[in-house]
Protein backbone atom coordinates (compact mmCIF):
# COMPACT_ATOMS: atom_id res chain seq x y z
CA MET A 1 0.00 0.00 0.00
CA GLN A 2 1.44 3.32 -1.08
CA THR A 3 0.64 6.23 1.23
CA ILE A 4 0.45 9.77 -0.17
CA ARG A 5 0.26 12.72 2.23
CA ILE A 6 -1.68 15.60 0.71
CA GLY A 7 -1.63 19.34 1.27
CA LEU A 8 -4.70 21.17 -0.09
CA ILE A 9 -4.30 24.90 -0.74
CA GLY A 10 -7.62 26.55 -1.53
CA ALA A 11 -10.72 24.94 -0.01
CA GLY A 12 -13.40 26.82 -1.91
CA THR A 13 -15.97 25.26 -4.23
CA VAL A 14 -13.67 22.75 -5.93
CA GLY A 15 -11.49 22.19 -2.86
CA SER A 16 -14.54 21.31 -0.78
CA GLY A 17 -15.57 18.91 -3.53
CA VAL A 18 -12.17 17.22 -3.37
CA LEU A 19 -12.50 16.78 0.40
CA LYS A 20 -15.99 15.33 -0.01
CA ILE A 21 -14.83 12.74 -2.56
CA LEU A 22 -11.80 11.76 -0.50
CA SER A 23 -13.89 11.40 2.66
CA GLU A 24 -16.34 9.09 0.89
CA GLU A 25 -14.12 7.13 -1.49
CA SER A 26 -10.67 6.74 0.12
CA ALA A 27 -11.39 3.17 1.25
CA ARG A 28 -12.33 2.22 -2.30
CA PHE A 29 -9.18 3.84 -3.69
CA GLU A 30 -7.08 1.77 -1.29
CA LYS A 31 -8.83 -1.43 -2.33
CA GLU A 32 -8.92 -0.82 -6.08
CA TYR A 33 -5.69 1.13 -6.68
CA GLY A 34 -3.50 0.24 -3.72
CA ILE A 35 -2.98 3.87 -2.80
CA SER A 36 -3.83 5.61 0.47
CA LEU A 37 -4.62 9.30 0.03
CA ASN A 38 -4.22 11.01 3.39
CA VAL A 39 -5.16 14.68 3.82
CA HIS A 40 -2.37 16.10 5.99
CA THR A 41 -2.97 19.88 5.88
CA ILE A 42 -5.68 22.17 4.52
CA CYS A 43 -4.81 25.78 3.81
CA THR A 44 -7.79 28.12 3.55
CA ARG A 45 -8.68 31.72 4.29
CA THR A 46 -11.95 30.62 5.92
CA PRO A 47 -11.27 27.61 8.18
CA SER A 48 -14.71 27.82 9.77
CA LYS A 49 -16.43 27.01 6.46
CA ILE A 50 -14.74 23.64 6.12
CA ALA A 51 -14.78 22.66 9.80
CA PRO A 52 -17.59 20.08 9.37
CA ILE A 53 -15.89 18.20 6.55
CA SER A 54 -12.35 18.55 7.92
CA LYS A 55 -13.45 16.59 11.00
CA LEU A 56 -13.85 13.54 8.74
CA PHE A 57 -10.06 13.35 8.38
CA SER A 58 -7.98 12.15 11.32
CA LYS A 59 -5.33 14.55 12.62
CA VAL A 60 -5.78 16.98 9.71
CA LYS A 61 -4.10 20.35 10.22
CA ILE A 62 -5.79 23.58 9.17
CA THR A 63 -3.90 26.80 8.44
CA ASP A 64 -4.28 30.07 6.55
CA ASP A 65 -0.56 30.18 5.68
CA TYR A 66 0.40 28.27 2.52
CA LYS A 67 4.07 28.42 3.56
CA GLN A 68 3.25 25.79 6.17
CA VAL A 69 2.31 23.47 3.30
CA VAL A 70 4.77 24.26 0.52
CA GLY A 71 8.12 22.64 1.28
CA ASN A 72 6.78 20.76 4.29
CA PRO A 73 8.72 17.46 4.31
CA GLU A 74 5.68 15.67 5.74
CA ILE A 75 3.64 16.44 2.59
CA ASP A 76 4.16 14.56 -0.69
CA MET A 77 1.61 16.20 -2.99
CA ILE A 78 0.19 19.71 -3.19
CA ILE A 79 -3.26 20.50 -4.61
CA GLU A 80 -3.27 24.13 -5.77
CA LEU A 81 -6.82 25.51 -6.13
CA VAL A 82 -6.13 29.17 -5.39
CA GLY A 83 -6.51 30.37 -9.00
CA GLY A 84 -4.99 33.43 -10.66
CA THR A 85 -1.34 33.88 -11.60
CA THR A 86 0.26 35.60 -8.60
CA ILE A 87 0.33 33.67 -5.32
CA SER A 88 -0.48 30.47 -7.22
CA GLU A 89 2.77 30.76 -9.20
CA GLU A 90 4.76 31.08 -5.98
CA ILE A 91 2.95 28.07 -4.53
CA VAL A 92 3.45 25.84 -7.56
CA LEU A 93 7.11 26.77 -8.12
CA GLY A 94 7.90 26.39 -4.44
CA ALA A 95 6.28 22.97 -4.29
CA LEU A 96 8.09 21.72 -7.39
CA GLN A 97 11.41 23.00 -6.09
CA SER A 98 10.71 21.06 -2.88
CA LYS A 99 10.01 17.96 -5.02
CA GLN A 100 6.35 17.88 -4.07
CA THR A 101 4.10 16.62 -6.85
CA VAL A 102 1.61 19.34 -7.85
CA ILE A 103 -2.03 18.91 -8.91
CA THR A 104 -3.75 22.05 -10.20
CA ALA A 105 -6.90 23.20 -11.96
CA ASN A 106 -5.36 26.57 -12.83
CA LYS A 107 -5.58 27.00 -16.62
CA ALA A 108 -4.59 30.68 -16.51
CA LEU A 109 -1.39 29.89 -14.63
CA LEU A 110 -0.40 27.06 -16.99
CA SER A 111 -1.26 29.04 -20.12
CA GLU A 112 0.57 32.21 -19.08
CA LYS A 113 3.39 30.86 -16.86
CA GLY A 114 3.71 27.33 -18.18
CA GLU A 115 7.25 27.64 -19.52
CA ILE A 116 8.87 28.39 -16.15
CA ILE A 117 6.60 25.92 -14.32
CA TYR A 118 7.33 23.01 -16.66
CA ARG A 119 11.05 23.81 -16.68
CA THR A 120 11.09 23.84 -12.88
CA ALA A 121 9.30 20.48 -12.81
CA GLU A 122 11.87 18.98 -15.21
CA GLU A 123 14.83 20.36 -13.31
CA ASN A 124 13.53 18.84 -10.08
CA HIS A 125 12.27 15.63 -11.73
CA THR A 126 8.86 16.32 -10.24
CA GLU A 127 5.50 15.93 -11.92
CA ILE A 128 2.53 18.26 -12.31
CA GLY A 129 -1.00 17.09 -13.10
CA PHE A 130 -3.62 19.38 -14.59
CA GLU A 131 -6.51 17.26 -15.87
CA ALA A 132 -8.97 19.59 -14.09
CA SER A 133 -7.63 22.70 -15.85
CA VAL A 134 -9.57 22.06 -19.07
CA GLY A 135 -13.12 20.83 -19.45
CA GLY A 136 -13.92 20.05 -15.82
CA SER A 137 -14.82 16.37 -15.72
CA ILE A 138 -13.94 15.72 -19.39
CA PRO A 139 -10.83 13.43 -19.41
CA ILE A 140 -9.22 15.22 -22.33
CA ILE A 141 -5.67 15.81 -21.04
CA ARG A 142 -4.97 12.13 -20.47
CA ALA A 143 -6.81 11.20 -23.67
CA ILE A 144 -4.36 13.36 -25.63
CA ARG A 145 -1.32 12.17 -23.66
CA ASN A 146 -2.09 8.46 -23.50
CA CYS A 147 -5.17 7.21 -25.32
CA LEU A 148 -4.31 8.95 -28.60
CA ALA A 149 -0.53 8.84 -28.24
CA GLY A 150 -0.23 6.53 -31.27
CA ASP A 151 -2.07 8.94 -33.52
CA LYS A 152 -1.45 12.35 -35.12
CA PHE A 153 -3.80 15.25 -34.50
CA LEU A 154 -5.19 17.17 -37.46
CA GLY A 155 -7.47 19.47 -35.50
CA LEU A 156 -8.93 19.96 -32.05
CA TYR A 157 -12.06 21.99 -31.34
CA GLY A 158 -13.54 22.90 -27.98
CA ILE A 159 -16.74 24.27 -26.49
CA LEU A 160 -14.85 24.95 -23.29
CA ASN A 161 -16.75 27.64 -21.42
CA GLY A 162 -20.05 26.78 -19.77
CA THR A 163 -21.02 30.42 -19.24
CA THR A 164 -20.94 31.36 -22.92
CA ASN A 165 -22.51 28.11 -24.06
CA PHE A 166 -25.37 28.64 -21.60
CA ILE A 167 -25.90 32.22 -22.80
CA LEU A 168 -25.93 31.29 -26.49
CA SER A 169 -28.24 28.33 -25.80
CA LYS A 170 -30.76 30.49 -23.96
CA MET A 171 -30.63 33.16 -26.65
CA GLU A 172 -31.69 30.46 -29.11
CA THR A 173 -34.15 28.35 -27.12
CA GLU A 174 -35.86 31.16 -25.20
CA GLY A 175 -35.43 34.06 -27.61
CA LEU A 176 -33.49 36.16 -25.10
CA ASP A 177 -31.14 38.95 -26.06
CA TYR A 178 -27.54 38.86 -24.85
CA LYS A 179 -28.06 40.94 -21.70
CA GLU A 180 -31.12 38.93 -20.66
CA ALA A 181 -29.30 35.62 -21.14
CA LEU A 182 -26.26 36.90 -19.24
CA LYS A 183 -28.46 37.97 -16.31
CA LEU A 184 -30.07 34.52 -16.24
CA ALA A 185 -26.62 32.89 -16.24
CA GLN A 186 -25.60 35.07 -13.29
CA GLU A 187 -28.78 34.25 -11.38
CA LYS A 188 -28.13 30.52 -11.83
CA GLY A 189 -24.50 30.83 -10.79
CA PHE A 190 -23.06 30.06 -14.24
CA ALA A 191 -21.61 33.56 -14.68
CA GLU A 192 -19.59 35.80 -12.39
CA ALA A 193 -20.65 39.33 -11.44
CA ASP A 194 -17.89 40.44 -13.82
CA PRO A 195 -18.24 37.94 -16.69
CA SER A 196 -15.62 39.46 -19.01
CA PHE A 197 -13.09 36.63 -18.52
CA ASP A 198 -15.68 34.22 -19.94
CA VAL A 199 -17.68 36.23 -22.47
CA GLU A 200 -14.63 37.87 -24.04
CA GLY A 201 -13.15 34.42 -24.80
CA ILE A 202 -10.11 34.66 -22.51
CA ASP A 203 -11.01 31.57 -20.47
CA THR A 204 -11.39 29.48 -23.63
CA ALA A 205 -8.11 30.84 -25.01
CA HIS A 206 -6.23 29.67 -21.90
CA LYS A 207 -7.71 26.21 -22.28
CA ILE A 208 -7.17 25.83 -26.02
CA SER A 209 -3.53 26.90 -25.69
CA ILE A 210 -2.99 24.03 -23.22
CA LEU A 211 -4.81 21.45 -25.36
CA GLY A 212 -3.18 22.60 -28.59
CA SER A 213 0.32 22.46 -27.16
CA LEU A 214 -0.23 18.89 -25.96
CA ALA A 215 -1.96 17.74 -29.15
CA PHE A 216 0.63 19.08 -31.59
CA GLY A 217 3.73 18.99 -29.40
CA GLU A 218 4.34 22.67 -30.11
CA LYS A 219 4.10 25.60 -27.73
CA ILE A 220 1.12 27.83 -28.57
CA PRO A 221 1.48 31.10 -26.62
CA LEU A 222 -1.66 32.89 -25.56
CA GLN A 223 -0.65 36.00 -27.52
CA ASN A 224 -0.67 33.99 -30.76
CA ILE A 225 -4.34 33.07 -30.43
CA VAL A 226 -6.96 35.18 -32.21
CA VAL A 227 -9.57 35.89 -29.50
CA GLU A 228 -13.09 37.24 -29.96
CA GLY A 229 -15.97 36.96 -27.50
CA ILE A 230 -19.74 36.72 -27.82
CA THR A 231 -20.79 40.20 -26.69
CA LYS A 232 -21.66 41.35 -30.22
CA ILE A 233 -23.93 38.38 -30.98
CA THR A 234 -27.63 39.32 -31.10
CA ARG A 235 -30.76 37.21 -31.15
CA LEU A 236 -31.12 38.32 -34.79
CA ASP A 237 -27.85 36.52 -35.56
CA ILE A 238 -29.08 33.48 -33.62
CA ALA A 239 -32.33 33.47 -35.64
CA PHE A 240 -30.64 33.97 -39.02
CA ALA A 241 -28.17 31.20 -38.18
CA SER A 242 -31.03 28.84 -37.37
CA ASP A 243 -32.79 29.67 -40.65
CA LEU A 244 -29.56 28.87 -42.49
CA GLY A 245 -29.24 25.53 -40.70
CA TYR A 246 -26.54 26.55 -38.22
CA ARG A 247 -26.05 27.07 -34.49
CA ILE A 248 -23.68 29.69 -33.01
CA LYS A 249 -21.05 28.46 -30.54
CA LEU A 250 -18.00 30.05 -28.97
CA LEU A 251 -15.35 27.74 -30.36
CA GLY A 252 -11.72 27.34 -29.45
CA LEU A 253 -9.79 25.61 -32.20
CA VAL A 254 -6.28 24.55 -33.10
CA ARG A 255 -5.44 22.80 -36.37
CA LYS A 256 -2.61 22.30 -38.80
CA LEU A 257 -2.72 24.13 -42.12
CA ASP A 258 0.20 23.62 -44.51
CA GLY A 259 2.48 22.70 -41.65
CA LYS A 260 1.50 25.70 -39.53
CA VAL A 261 -0.79 25.92 -36.51
CA GLU A 262 -3.99 27.95 -36.67
CA ALA A 263 -5.22 28.91 -33.21
CA ARG A 264 -8.34 30.96 -32.57
CA VAL A 265 -11.26 31.53 -30.23
CA GLN A 266 -14.39 33.13 -31.65
CA PRO A 267 -18.12 32.64 -32.19
CA VAL A 268 -18.69 30.46 -35.25
CA MET A 269 -21.64 28.84 -36.99
CA ILE A 270 -21.69 25.04 -36.81
CA PRO A 271 -24.11 22.99 -38.98
CA LYS A 272 -27.03 21.76 -36.87
CA HIS A 273 -26.63 18.22 -38.15
CA HIS A 274 -23.13 17.97 -36.64
CA ALA A 275 -23.04 16.29 -33.21
CA PHE A 276 -20.94 19.16 -31.90
CA ALA A 277 -23.83 21.58 -32.43
CA SER A 278 -26.06 19.60 -30.04
CA VAL A 279 -23.89 20.50 -27.02
CA MET A 280 -26.13 22.90 -25.14
CA ASN A 281 -26.33 24.98 -21.96
CA GLU A 282 -23.40 24.72 -19.51
CA THR A 283 -22.11 21.45 -21.01
CA ASN A 284 -18.57 21.36 -22.45
CA ALA A 285 -17.23 19.24 -25.29
CA VAL A 286 -14.04 18.57 -27.21
CA TYR A 287 -14.16 17.38 -30.83
CA TYR A 288 -10.95 16.11 -32.41
CA LYS A 289 -9.70 14.80 -35.73
CA THR A 290 -6.76 12.44 -36.01
CA THR A 291 -5.00 10.72 -38.91
CA PHE A 292 -5.73 7.11 -37.97
CA ALA A 293 -8.60 7.04 -35.47
CA GLY A 294 -10.51 9.75 -37.32
CA PRO A 295 -12.94 12.07 -35.54
CA GLY A 296 -14.12 11.79 -31.94
CA LEU A 297 -16.26 13.75 -29.51
CA ILE A 298 -15.98 13.85 -25.70
CA VAL A 299 -18.81 15.55 -23.81
CA GLY A 300 -19.22 16.28 -20.10
CA LYS A 301 -19.75 18.79 -17.33
CA GLY A 302 -17.21 21.55 -17.71
CA ALA A 303 -17.49 23.11 -14.25
CA GLY A 304 -18.94 22.64 -10.79
CA ALA A 305 -17.61 21.43 -7.46
CA LEU A 306 -17.84 17.68 -7.91
CA PRO A 307 -17.19 17.36 -11.67
CA THR A 308 -13.98 19.38 -11.42
CA ALA A 309 -13.05 17.76 -8.11
CA SER A 310 -13.36 14.33 -9.73
CA ALA A 311 -10.66 15.33 -12.23
CA VAL A 312 -8.43 16.57 -9.38
CA VAL A 313 -8.83 13.27 -7.52
CA SER A 314 -8.11 11.26 -10.67
CA ASP A 315 -4.79 13.14 -10.89
CA LEU A 316 -4.11 12.36 -7.22
CA ILE A 317 -4.51 8.65 -7.92
CA TYR A 318 -2.56 8.69 -11.18
CA TYR A 319 0.41 10.80 -10.11
CA GLY A 320 0.38 9.42 -6.59
CA SER A 321 0.84 5.91 -7.98
CA ARG A 322 3.77 7.16 -10.10
CA ARG A 323 5.49 9.02 -7.30
CA GLY A 324 8.87 7.62 -6.23
CA LYS A 325 9.05 5.03 -9.03
CA ASN A 326 11.63 6.79 -11.22
CA LEU A 327 9.37 6.66 -14.27
CA PRO A 328 9.98 8.78 -17.40
CA MET A 329 8.45 12.21 -16.89
CA GLU A 330 5.59 13.39 -19.05
CA LYS A 331 6.61 15.99 -21.59
CA ASN A 332 5.09 19.43 -21.15
CA ARG A 333 7.72 21.67 -22.78
CA PHE A 334 7.73 21.98 -26.55
CA PRO A 335 9.38 24.05 -29.27
CA LYS A 336 7.44 27.17 -30.24
CA ALA A 337 4.81 26.51 -32.89
CA SER A 338 4.94 28.01 -36.34
CA ILE A 339 1.68 29.98 -36.33
CA SER A 340 -0.29 30.61 -39.53
CA GLU A 341 -1.21 34.16 -40.49
CA ALA A 342 -4.43 34.81 -38.59
CA ASN A 343 -6.14 36.70 -41.41
CA GLN A 344 -5.08 34.41 -44.26
CA THR A 345 -7.12 31.26 -43.52
CA GLU A 346 -10.12 30.63 -45.78
CA ALA A 347 -13.71 30.14 -44.65
CA ARG A 348 -17.22 31.01 -45.65
CA TYR A 349 -18.69 33.95 -43.74
CA TYR A 350 -22.06 35.12 -42.52
CA LEU A 351 -22.25 38.93 -42.82
CA ARG A 352 -25.08 41.00 -41.38
CA PHE A 353 -25.63 44.64 -42.34
CA ASN A 354 -27.99 47.08 -40.66
CA THR A 355 -28.82 49.30 -43.63
CA LEU A 356 -30.96 52.07 -45.01
CA ASP A 357 -33.97 50.66 -46.84
CA GLN A 358 -33.39 52.28 -50.21
CA PRO A 359 -32.46 51.28 -53.77
CA GLY A 360 -28.80 50.64 -54.50
CA VAL A 361 -27.78 49.51 -51.01
CA LEU A 362 -27.25 45.86 -51.97
CA ALA A 363 -25.39 46.89 -55.10
CA GLU A 364 -22.99 49.05 -53.10
CA ILE A 365 -22.37 46.29 -50.55
CA ALA A 366 -21.78 43.75 -53.33
CA LYS A 367 -19.39 46.15 -55.06
CA ASP A 368 -17.27 46.67 -51.93
CA LEU A 369 -17.16 42.91 -51.28
CA GLY A 370 -16.22 42.19 -54.89
CA THR A 371 -13.47 44.81 -54.84
CA ASN A 372 -11.75 42.80 -52.13
CA GLY A 373 -12.28 39.43 -53.81
CA VAL A 374 -15.27 38.33 -51.69
CA SER A 375 -17.81 36.36 -53.73
CA ILE A 376 -21.44 36.23 -52.59
CA SER A 377 -23.14 32.83 -52.23
CA SER A 378 -26.58 34.02 -51.04
CA VAL A 379 -28.43 37.09 -49.78
CA ARG A 380 -31.35 37.38 -47.36
CA GLN A 381 -33.24 40.43 -46.16
CA ASN A 382 -35.83 40.64 -43.39
CA GLU A 383 -39.17 41.98 -44.51
CA SER A 384 -39.94 45.23 -42.75
CA GLU A 385 -41.96 48.30 -43.60
CA LYS A 386 -39.62 50.59 -41.73
CA GLU A 387 -35.92 51.20 -41.46
CA PRO A 388 -33.46 49.85 -40.66
CA ALA A 389 -33.33 46.80 -42.90
CA GLU A 390 -31.29 43.74 -41.94
CA VAL A 391 -29.38 42.27 -44.86
CA VAL A 392 -27.58 38.94 -44.50
CA VAL A 393 -24.92 37.82 -46.95
CA VAL A 394 -23.29 34.38 -46.98
CA THR A 395 -20.01 34.33 -48.87
CA HIS A 396 -18.06 31.74 -50.74
CA PRO A 397 -14.73 30.75 -49.09
CA CYS A 398 -12.39 33.70 -48.71
CA VAL A 399 -9.61 34.87 -46.44
CA GLU A 400 -10.37 36.87 -43.31
CA ALA A 401 -8.22 39.74 -44.53
CA SER A 402 -10.62 40.27 -47.45
CA ILE A 403 -13.62 40.30 -45.12
CA SER A 404 -11.94 42.83 -42.81
CA ALA A 405 -11.02 45.11 -45.71
CA SER A 406 -14.54 44.93 -47.14
CA LEU A 407 -16.28 45.67 -43.86
CA GLY A 408 -13.93 48.58 -43.25
CA ARG A 409 -15.13 50.20 -46.47
CA ILE A 410 -18.79 49.30 -45.98
CA ASP A 411 -18.96 50.50 -42.36
CA ALA A 412 -17.42 53.80 -43.40
CA SER A 413 -20.12 54.36 -46.01
CA ASP A 414 -23.49 56.05 -45.62
CA VAL A 415 -25.59 52.94 -46.34
CA VAL A 416 -25.06 51.11 -43.01
CA LEU A 417 -26.35 52.38 -39.70
CA GLU A 418 -24.39 50.14 -37.29
CA PRO A 419 -21.09 48.22 -37.42
CA SER A 420 -21.45 45.09 -39.53
CA VAL A 421 -21.29 41.60 -38.05
CA ALA A 422 -19.08 38.83 -39.45
CA ILE A 423 -19.21 35.20 -38.24
CA ARG A 424 -17.20 32.33 -39.69
CA LEU A 425 -18.99 29.22 -40.90
CA GLU A 426 -17.25 26.03 -39.79
CA ASP A 427 -18.62 23.74 -42.48
CA LYS A 428 -15.79 21.20 -42.48
CA LEU A 429 -15.61 19.99 -38.89
């Protein structure tokens, strides 16, 4: 029986979930995996909140000072659930330097500070597990590392933020506008009081940079990812998308194009018949394409105390069983990826124009698009007896640079009343 002494730093929502699972399942883990997971110390700013559950662990120590945990020779593994990129970096680096295995759910820290963290782990021959950092309960990190290790990735696509997926789902199914759907998400606890980290796409960018780096074995820095959020999406766009046979999702994607990596986060239109489009509300999903196994889809709860805690505990079992056995370390550091030009990848586009209702408007829009090499596939216009008129254009495949140039000219003209909307169509998932 291998005994692992655990130090938990951060006993909030996920941390409390970890303690609950360990209190209920430790006997089973000993029987099935031959590993005893003993909670040695809990570090939290609010000890009183976890007093009831902490009593379930014999001789557990409670402190509000993480320095009593990091570097403590009586502790083998550190669970870092503080979040952010300040104190958490000090905790993780200190633990690795003390040869304590680290388990974390901190995607921001790994995405922004990963290079120094992974280097420190290598130098100290100490491992770091981060299954819970992407997709909550979805076992995607180990799937990439182990289950698909014999394959080559062609593309990886993620609906990785429950807040934005919930908002877009409610805008479609209940006809809400963006602000109404956001308020509902906040009332249900799916969105923070300040939701910008989620709705602006930053959270998804952190996650897709981690997945992409593992999938392609190339470092994909956060600053090389094109990031656009959902704040400009209206229920009109949702309705037009549905009429065209599509559903709007905030998608994080990484894929290889002519030997270069394309990495982006933005709202896109996915065909309704694709299984990926059926992922609704706060659910997360990862869709991948590989050379030999082909496509696959993994769906699950992307957040919440117990779903995320289950991923943390799975890392405790996995890395705990590896500890002290002098096994080859998992590779987390990679050469920097060759990134494709963000505005040079081809796709079809949905374009919506809020225009004056007068003769010649469509002709002027078509002229500006044609000047920049954008060919029109179809045009739709809502029937209204009063201005403004909503005109929707679907293009043939073209590069993003051409779309940007066209919209710059059109939005500067007198025929449109509001900034135009452009959404990529992901027809070839």
